[in-house]
Amino acid sequence: SFYKSAQTDSLGNYRVDGVVTGNYIVKFGSEDSFYITQYYKGAENPEDAKQISVVGNDLTGIDASLMLGGKISGRISLAQPIGSELVALRLLQYVASGDRWEAKDEIERILSSNDSIGGRPFVFRDLKSGTYVIEALVASFSEQYQEYYDNALQLEQATTLTVTAGGEITGIEIIVGENPNRVSIAGKVTNQAGDPLSSIFVDLFGTTLDGKPYDDFTYSGSDG
């Protein structure tokens, strides 16, 4: 669990004071940094980090050399905005060892009719070298759905982005709802006597990448 922290000065030096006897893992990184997070000693994750032992003496030489991360940037807009919509852009990285995709980072944006013209900028940074896709999760009062860059409705059809550490991919344009293959499902709701029922919620359940259901919903009009 988190214990203490410090920040480096203009020369890159740091000092964490008041550390009691025990074993620790040291993490180097910042949410505002363009550098890839690292754990002592040169590890990518805490499971592979080298623990340091404090037994009453000051420790020096707990250093790190951080690698500049890659970056993906662009703009997101709505094809046919209706009121305000919440769009969560999620970056997924391919993990070759497990032959799977896993979430790397997420950015949320509130989009409205003003964003259908110029859109809004987004950026994913401090990325490790690898293969990525961008998933857009869209939620409004009347619907919730997901799609992938570039105009794909399925992960298998998504355009992959290959990033190298220190490299940059720019100019990614995501227009949510532009895919021409998006269709509608319609019907009528009545009681057992055949009379139309209004304001009945109709929910459509799909699944996310991790197999959990999410809803697409609407409601019936006065004629059912």
C-alpha atoms as a PDB file:
ATOM      1  CA  SER A   1       0.000   0.000   0.000  1.00  0.00           C
ATOM      2  CA  PHE A   2       1.058   3.636  -0.527  1.00  0.00           C
ATOM      3  CA  TYR A   3       3.361   4.967   2.211  1.00  0.00           C
ATOM      4  CA  LYS A   4       5.235   8.174   1.318  1.00  0.00           C
ATOM      5  CA  SER A   5       6.274  10.169  -1.734  1.00  0.00           C
ATOM      6  CA  ALA A   6       8.523  13.001  -2.861  1.00  0.00           C
ATOM      7  CA  GLN A   7       9.148  14.929  -6.077  1.00  0.00           C
ATOM      8  CA  THR A   8      12.385  15.399  -7.930  1.00  0.00           C
ATOM      9  CA  ASP A   9      13.958  18.849  -8.077  1.00  0.00           C
ATOM     10  CA  SER A  10      15.321  20.645 -11.155  1.00  0.00           C
ATOM     11  CA  LEU A  11      18.394  18.389 -11.083  1.00  0.00           C
ATOM     12  CA  GLY A  12      16.350  15.192 -10.883  1.00  0.00           C
ATOM     13  CA  ASN A  13      17.269  14.547  -7.248  1.00  0.00           C
ATOM     14  CA  TYR A  14      14.747  13.390  -4.658  1.00  0.00           C
ATOM     15  CA  ARG A  15      14.671  12.486  -0.972  1.00  0.00           C
ATOM     16  CA  VAL A  16      11.926  10.720   0.975  1.00  0.00           C
ATOM     17  CA  ASP A  17      12.272  11.521   4.667  1.00  0.00           C
ATOM     18  CA  GLY A  18      10.847   9.822   7.747  1.00  0.00           C
ATOM     19  CA  VAL A  19      10.992   6.270   6.419  1.00  0.00           C
ATOM     20  CA  VAL A  20      10.724   3.603   9.120  1.00  0.00           C
ATOM     21  CA  THR A  21      12.256   0.129   9.123  1.00  0.00           C
ATOM     22  CA  GLY A  22      10.655  -2.164   6.550  1.00  0.00           C
ATOM     23  CA  ASN A  23      10.660  -3.404   2.963  1.00  0.00           C
ATOM     24  CA  TYR A  24       9.521  -1.090   0.161  1.00  0.00           C
ATOM     25  CA  ILE A  25       8.877  -0.874  -3.579  1.00  0.00           C
ATOM     26  CA  VAL A  26       9.817   2.390  -5.275  1.00  0.00           C
ATOM     27  CA  LYS A  27       7.764   3.761  -8.172  1.00  0.00           C
ATOM     28  CA  PHE A  28       8.980   6.519 -10.510  1.00  0.00           C
ATOM     29  CA  GLY A  29       6.474   8.453 -12.606  1.00  0.00           C
ATOM     30  CA  SER A  30       3.917  11.249 -12.812  1.00  0.00           C
ATOM     31  CA  GLU A  31       0.477  11.684 -14.352  1.00  0.00           C
ATOM     32  CA  ASP A  32       1.720  14.904 -15.965  1.00  0.00           C
ATOM     33  CA  SER A  33       4.895  13.321 -17.319  1.00  0.00           C
ATOM     34  CA  PHE A  34       5.555  12.110 -20.858  1.00  0.00           C
ATOM     35  CA  TYR A  35       7.796   9.374 -19.489  1.00  0.00           C
ATOM     36  CA  ILE A  36       6.851   5.744 -18.924  1.00  0.00           C
ATOM     37  CA  THR A  37       6.270   4.779 -15.291  1.00  0.00           C
ATOM     38  CA  GLN A  38       8.978   2.530 -13.889  1.00  0.00           C
ATOM     39  CA  TYR A  39       9.620   0.590 -10.696  1.00  0.00           C
ATOM     40  CA  TYR A  40      12.986   0.041  -9.065  1.00  0.00           C
ATOM     41  CA  LYS A  41      15.078  -1.581 -10.449  1.00  0.00           C
ATOM     42  CA  GLY A  42      14.077  -1.028 -14.104  1.00  0.00           C
ATOM     43  CA  ALA A  43      10.809  -2.995 -13.780  1.00  0.00           C
ATOM     44  CA  GLU A  44       7.622  -2.256 -15.742  1.00  0.00           C
ATOM     45  CA  ASN A  45       5.237  -3.440 -13.020  1.00  0.00           C
ATOM     46  CA  PRO A  46       5.314  -3.760  -9.218  1.00  0.00           C
ATOM     47  CA  GLU A  47       5.369  -7.558  -9.342  1.00  0.00           C
ATOM     48  CA  ASP A  48       8.814  -7.465 -10.987  1.00  0.00           C
ATOM     49  CA  ALA A  49      10.184  -4.615  -8.874  1.00  0.00           C
ATOM     50  CA  LYS A  50      13.210  -5.079  -6.617  1.00  0.00           C
ATOM     51  CA  GLN A  51      12.335  -4.461  -2.991  1.00  0.00           C
ATOM     52  CA  ILE A  52      14.588  -2.272  -0.896  1.00  0.00           C
ATOM     53  CA  SER A  53      15.130  -2.905   2.810  1.00  0.00           C
ATOM     54  CA  VAL A  54      15.364  -0.082   5.340  1.00  0.00           C
ATOM     55  CA  VAL A  55      16.946  -1.065   8.654  1.00  0.00           C
ATOM     56  CA  GLY A  56      17.774   2.299  10.215  1.00  0.00           C
ATOM     57  CA  ASN A  57      20.380   3.679   7.801  1.00  0.00           C
ATOM     58  CA  ASP A  58      19.867   6.209   5.002  1.00  0.00           C
ATOM     59  CA  LEU A  59      19.861   4.680   1.515  1.00  0.00           C
ATOM     60  CA  THR A  60      21.319   6.361  -1.552  1.00  0.00           C
ATOM     61  CA  GLY A  61      21.679   5.327  -5.151  1.00  0.00           C
ATOM     62  CA  ILE A  62      18.019   4.336  -5.585  1.00  0.00           C
ATOM     63  CA  ASP A  63      18.029   5.764  -9.102  1.00  0.00           C
ATOM     64  CA  ALA A  64      15.990   5.388 -12.257  1.00  0.00           C
ATOM     65  CA  SER A  65      16.391   6.247 -15.934  1.00  0.00           C
ATOM     66  CA  LEU A  66      12.953   6.782 -17.462  1.00  0.00           C
ATOM     67  CA  MET A  67      12.130   6.184 -21.113  1.00  0.00           C
ATOM     68  CA  LEU A  68      10.150   8.736 -23.105  1.00  0.00           C
ATOM     69  CA  GLY A  69       6.739   7.279 -23.909  1.00  0.00           C
ATOM     70  CA  GLY A  70       4.797   7.282 -27.139  1.00  0.00           C
ATOM     71  CA  LYS A  71       1.735   9.422 -27.818  1.00  0.00           C
ATOM     72  CA  ILE A  72      -1.548   9.163 -29.737  1.00  0.00           C
ATOM     73  CA  SER A  73      -3.543  12.341 -30.323  1.00  0.00           C
ATOM     74  CA  GLY A  74      -6.448  13.568 -32.406  1.00  0.00           C
ATOM     75  CA  ARG A  75      -9.990  14.934 -32.240  1.00  0.00           C
ATOM     76  CA  ILE A  76     -13.369  13.416 -31.451  1.00  0.00           C
ATOM     77  CA  SER A  77     -16.768  14.703 -32.592  1.00  0.00           C
ATOM     78  CA  LEU A  78     -20.356  13.527 -33.022  1.00  0.00           C
ATOM     79  CA  ALA A  79     -21.886  12.697 -36.395  1.00  0.00           C
ATOM     80  CA  GLN A  80     -25.463  13.411 -35.302  1.00  0.00           C
ATOM     81  CA  PRO A  81     -25.541  14.959 -31.833  1.00  0.00           C
ATOM     82  CA  ILE A  82     -28.783  14.993 -29.878  1.00  0.00           C
ATOM     83  CA  GLY A  83     -28.396  17.132 -26.784  1.00  0.00           C
ATOM     84  CA  SER A  84     -25.309  16.352 -24.714  1.00  0.00           C
ATOM     85  CA  GLU A  85     -23.584  12.981 -24.755  1.00  0.00           C
ATOM     86  CA  LEU A  86     -20.886  11.447 -22.579  1.00  0.00           C
ATOM     87  CA  VAL A  87     -18.100   9.842 -24.576  1.00  0.00           C
ATOM     88  CA  ALA A  88     -15.429   7.779 -22.854  1.00  0.00           C
ATOM     89  CA  LEU A  89     -12.423   7.102 -25.063  1.00  0.00           C
ATOM     90  CA  ARG A  90     -10.664   3.967 -23.908  1.00  0.00           C
ATOM     91  CA  LEU A  91      -7.242   2.944 -25.162  1.00  0.00           C
ATOM     92  CA  LEU A  92      -6.693  -0.809 -25.418  1.00  0.00           C
ATOM     93  CA  GLN A  93      -3.268  -2.417 -25.763  1.00  0.00           C
ATOM     94  CA  TYR A  94      -2.709  -5.816 -27.345  1.00  0.00           C
ATOM     95  CA  VAL A  95      -0.897  -8.268 -25.067  1.00  0.00           C
ATOM     96  CA  ALA A  96       0.801 -10.819 -27.297  1.00  0.00           C
ATOM     97  CA  SER A  97       1.743 -13.200 -24.485  1.00  0.00           C
ATOM     98  CA  GLY A  98      -1.897 -13.734 -23.555  1.00  0.00           C
ATOM     99  CA  ASP A  99      -3.358 -13.082 -27.021  1.00  0.00           C
ATOM    100  CA  ARG A 100      -5.797 -10.533 -25.600  1.00  0.00           C
ATOM    101  CA  TRP A 101      -6.609  -6.820 -25.395  1.00  0.00           C
ATOM    102  CA  GLU A 102      -6.548  -4.997 -22.072  1.00  0.00           C
ATOM    103  CA  ALA A 103      -7.480  -1.437 -21.056  1.00  0.00           C
ATOM    104  CA  LYS A 104      -4.555   0.968 -20.823  1.00  0.00           C
ATOM    105  CA  ASP A 105      -6.089   4.402 -20.282  1.00  0.00           C
ATOM    106  CA  GLU A 106      -9.435   6.230 -20.453  1.00  0.00           C
ATOM    107  CA  ILE A 107     -10.498   9.795 -21.215  1.00  0.00           C
ATOM    108  CA  GLU A 108     -14.025  11.143 -20.702  1.00  0.00           C
ATOM    109  CA  ARG A 109     -15.558  13.959 -22.752  1.00  0.00           C
ATOM    110  CA  ILE A 110     -18.970  15.625 -22.661  1.00  0.00           C
ATOM    111  CA  LEU A 111     -19.918  16.334 -26.266  1.00  0.00           C
ATOM    112  CA  SER A 112     -22.782  18.503 -27.512  1.00  0.00           C
ATOM    113  CA  SER A 113     -24.072  19.894 -30.800  1.00  0.00           C
ATOM    114  CA  ASN A 114     -21.195  22.400 -30.847  1.00  0.00           C
ATOM    115  CA  ASP A 115     -18.742  19.505 -31.071  1.00  0.00           C
ATOM    116  CA  SER A 116     -20.197  18.140 -34.319  1.00  0.00           C
ATOM    117  CA  ILE A 117     -18.174  20.711 -36.287  1.00  0.00           C
ATOM    118  CA  GLY A 118     -14.682  21.102 -34.883  1.00  0.00           C
ATOM    119  CA  GLY A 119     -14.723  18.329 -32.307  1.00  0.00           C
ATOM    120  CA  ARG A 120     -12.583  18.228 -29.193  1.00  0.00           C
ATOM    121  CA  PRO A 121      -8.923  17.230 -28.875  1.00  0.00           C
ATOM    122  CA  PHE A 122      -7.728  14.162 -26.989  1.00  0.00           C
ATOM    123  CA  VAL A 123      -4.307  12.702 -26.217  1.00  0.00           C
ATOM    124  CA  PHE A 124      -2.997   9.429 -24.799  1.00  0.00           C
ATOM    125  CA  ARG A 125       0.620   9.699 -23.686  1.00  0.00           C
ATOM    126  CA  ASP A 126       3.499   7.960 -21.853  1.00  0.00           C
ATOM    127  CA  LEU A 127       2.723   4.828 -23.905  1.00  0.00           C
ATOM    128  CA  LYS A 128       4.936   1.778 -24.132  1.00  0.00           C
ATOM    129  CA  SER A 129       5.853   0.382 -27.544  1.00  0.00           C
ATOM    130  CA  GLY A 130       3.001  -1.808 -28.747  1.00  0.00           C
ATOM    131  CA  THR A 131      -0.197  -2.192 -30.723  1.00  0.00           C
ATOM    132  CA  TYR A 132      -3.286  -0.236 -29.665  1.00  0.00           C
ATOM    133  CA  VAL A 133      -6.915   0.380 -30.618  1.00  0.00           C
ATOM    134  CA  ILE A 134      -9.233   3.174 -29.497  1.00  0.00           C
ATOM    135  CA  GLU A 135     -12.711   2.335 -28.211  1.00  0.00           C
ATOM    136  CA  ALA A 136     -15.445   4.973 -27.885  1.00  0.00           C
ATOM    137  CA  LEU A 137     -18.129   4.298 -25.253  1.00  0.00           C
ATOM    138  CA  VAL A 138     -21.080   6.634 -25.813  1.00  0.00           C
ATOM    139  CA  ALA A 139     -23.907   7.327 -23.379  1.00  0.00           C
ATOM    140  CA  SER A 140     -26.888   9.675 -23.673  1.00  0.00           C
ATOM    141  CA  PHE A 141     -30.411   9.655 -22.251  1.00  0.00           C
ATOM    142  CA  SER A 142     -31.729   7.469 -25.064  1.00  0.00           C
ATOM    143  CA  GLU A 143     -28.832   5.159 -25.903  1.00  0.00           C
ATOM    144  CA  GLN A 144     -25.523   3.662 -24.934  1.00  0.00           C
ATOM    145  CA  TYR A 145     -23.188   1.926 -27.346  1.00  0.00           C
ATOM    146  CA  GLN A 146     -19.577   1.374 -28.301  1.00  0.00           C
ATOM    147  CA  GLU A 147     -17.540   1.605 -31.463  1.00  0.00           C
ATOM    148  CA  TYR A 148     -13.880   1.523 -32.428  1.00  0.00           C
ATOM    149  CA  TYR A 149     -11.505   3.605 -34.511  1.00  0.00           C
ATOM    150  CA  ASP A 150     -11.880   3.800 -37.520  1.00  0.00           C
ATOM    151  CA  ASN A 151     -15.720   3.479 -37.851  1.00  0.00           C
ATOM    152  CA  ALA A 152     -15.743  -0.151 -36.676  1.00  0.00           C
ATOM    153  CA  LEU A 153     -18.511  -1.742 -34.618  1.00  0.00           C
ATOM    154  CA  GLN A 154     -16.460  -4.803 -33.631  1.00  0.00           C
ATOM    155  CA  LEU A 155     -13.009  -5.000 -32.051  1.00  0.00           C
ATOM    156  CA  GLU A 156     -11.870  -7.411 -34.766  1.00  0.00           C
ATOM    157  CA  GLN A 157     -12.595  -4.730 -37.393  1.00  0.00           C
ATOM    158  CA  ALA A 158     -10.812  -1.901 -35.573  1.00  0.00           C
ATOM    159  CA  THR A 159      -7.852  -0.082 -37.108  1.00  0.00           C
ATOM    160  CA  THR A 160      -4.758  -0.852 -35.046  1.00  0.00           C
ATOM    161  CA  LEU A 161      -2.208   1.804 -34.135  1.00  0.00           C
ATOM    162  CA  THR A 162       1.431   0.799 -33.657  1.00  0.00           C
ATOM    163  CA  VAL A 163       3.296   3.005 -31.201  1.00  0.00           C
ATOM    164  CA  THR A 164       7.012   3.079 -30.464  1.00  0.00           C
ATOM    165  CA  ALA A 165       8.434   4.548 -27.263  1.00  0.00           C
ATOM    166  CA  GLY A 166       9.176   8.217 -27.922  1.00  0.00           C
ATOM    167  CA  GLY A 167       7.137   8.170 -31.136  1.00  0.00           C
ATOM    168  CA  GLU A 168       3.925  10.032 -31.874  1.00  0.00           C
ATOM    169  CA  ILE A 169       0.770   9.324 -33.888  1.00  0.00           C
ATOM    170  CA  THR A 170      -1.233  12.464 -34.632  1.00  0.00           C
ATOM    171  CA  GLY A 171      -4.299  13.431 -36.637  1.00  0.00           C
ATOM    172  CA  ILE A 172      -6.602  10.645 -35.437  1.00  0.00           C
ATOM    173  CA  GLU A 173     -10.159  11.716 -36.291  1.00  0.00           C
ATOM    174  CA  ILE A 174     -12.967   9.917 -34.458  1.00  0.00           C
ATOM    175  CA  ILE A 175     -16.527  10.759 -35.512  1.00  0.00           C
ATOM    176  CA  VAL A 176     -18.886   8.894 -33.198  1.00  0.00           C
ATOM    177  CA  GLY A 177     -22.022   7.517 -34.865  1.00  0.00           C
ATOM    178  CA  GLU A 178     -20.742   7.853 -38.435  1.00  0.00           C
ATOM    179  CA  ASN A 179     -20.680   4.104 -39.180  1.00  0.00           C
ATOM    180  CA  PRO A 180     -23.352   3.394 -41.859  1.00  0.00           C
ATOM    181  CA  ASN A 181     -23.895  -0.143 -40.522  1.00  0.00           C
ATOM    182  CA  ARG A 182     -25.533   1.083 -37.341  1.00  0.00           C
ATOM    183  CA  VAL A 183     -29.197   0.081 -37.538  1.00  0.00           C
ATOM    184  CA  SER A 184     -32.313   0.307 -35.387  1.00  0.00           C
ATOM    185  CA  ILE A 185     -34.577  -2.251 -33.730  1.00  0.00           C
ATOM    186  CA  ALA A 186     -38.262  -1.348 -33.535  1.00  0.00           C
ATOM    187  CA  GLY A 187     -41.500  -2.924 -32.394  1.00  0.00           C
ATOM    188  CA  LYS A 188     -44.701  -2.284 -30.478  1.00  0.00           C
ATOM    189  CA  VAL A 189     -45.633  -2.910 -26.853  1.00  0.00           C
ATOM    190  CA  THR A 190     -49.216  -3.706 -25.843  1.00  0.00           C
ATOM    191  CA  ASN A 191     -51.108  -5.248 -22.968  1.00  0.00           C
ATOM    192  CA  GLN A 192     -52.763  -8.617 -23.351  1.00  0.00           C
ATOM    193  CA  ALA A 193     -55.904  -6.968 -24.720  1.00  0.00           C
ATOM    194  CA  GLY A 194     -53.861  -5.438 -27.539  1.00  0.00           C
ATOM    195  CA  ASP A 195     -53.985  -1.855 -26.266  1.00  0.00           C
ATOM    196  CA  PRO A 196     -50.742   0.140 -26.847  1.00  0.00           C
ATOM    197  CA  LEU A 197     -48.660   0.897 -23.772  1.00  0.00           C
ATOM    198  CA  SER A 198     -46.735   4.159 -23.615  1.00  0.00           C
ATOM    199  CA  SER A 199     -43.583   5.015 -21.616  1.00  0.00           C
ATOM    200  CA  ILE A 200     -42.506   1.375 -21.362  1.00  0.00           C
ATOM    201  CA  PHE A 201     -38.719   1.164 -21.239  1.00  0.00           C
ATOM    202  CA  VAL A 202     -37.168  -1.175 -23.789  1.00  0.00           C
ATOM    203  CA  ASP A 203     -33.625  -2.302 -22.950  1.00  0.00           C
ATOM    204  CA  LEU A 204     -31.152  -3.860 -25.357  1.00  0.00           C
ATOM    205  CA  PHE A 205     -28.300  -5.744 -23.699  1.00  0.00           C
ATOM    206  CA  GLY A 206     -24.925  -6.181 -25.344  1.00  0.00           C
ATOM    207  CA  THR A 207     -21.568  -7.144 -23.871  1.00  0.00           C
ATOM    208  CA  THR A 208     -18.358  -5.222 -23.345  1.00  0.00           C
ATOM    209  CA  LEU A 209     -14.855  -6.540 -23.973  1.00  0.00           C
ATOM    210  CA  ASP A 210     -14.695  -8.159 -20.548  1.00  0.00           C
ATOM    211  CA  GLY A 211     -18.044  -9.912 -21.014  1.00  0.00           C
ATOM    212  CA  LYS A 212     -20.081  -7.617 -18.781  1.00  0.00           C
ATOM    213  CA  PRO A 213     -23.473  -6.423 -20.066  1.00  0.00           C
ATOM    214  CA  TYR A 214     -24.219  -2.832 -20.892  1.00  0.00           C
ATOM    215  CA  ASP A 215     -27.563  -1.337 -21.872  1.00  0.00           C
ATOM    216  CA  ASP A 216     -28.996   0.362 -24.911  1.00  0.00           C
ATOM    217  CA  PHE A 217     -32.397   1.683 -23.928  1.00  0.00           C
ATOM    218  CA  THR A 218     -35.338   3.725 -25.193  1.00  0.00           C
ATOM    219  CA  TYR A 219     -39.008   3.990 -24.247  1.00  0.00           C
ATOM    220  CA  SER A 220     -42.306   3.525 -26.025  1.00  0.00           C
ATOM    221  CA  GLY A 221     -44.422   6.430 -27.304  1.00  0.00           C
ATOM    222  CA  SER A 222     -48.130   7.021 -26.706  1.00  0.00           C
ATOM    223  CA  ASP A 223     -49.022   4.543 -29.487  1.00  0.00           C
ATOM    224  CA  GLY A 224     -46.855   1.801 -27.977  1.00  0.00           C
END
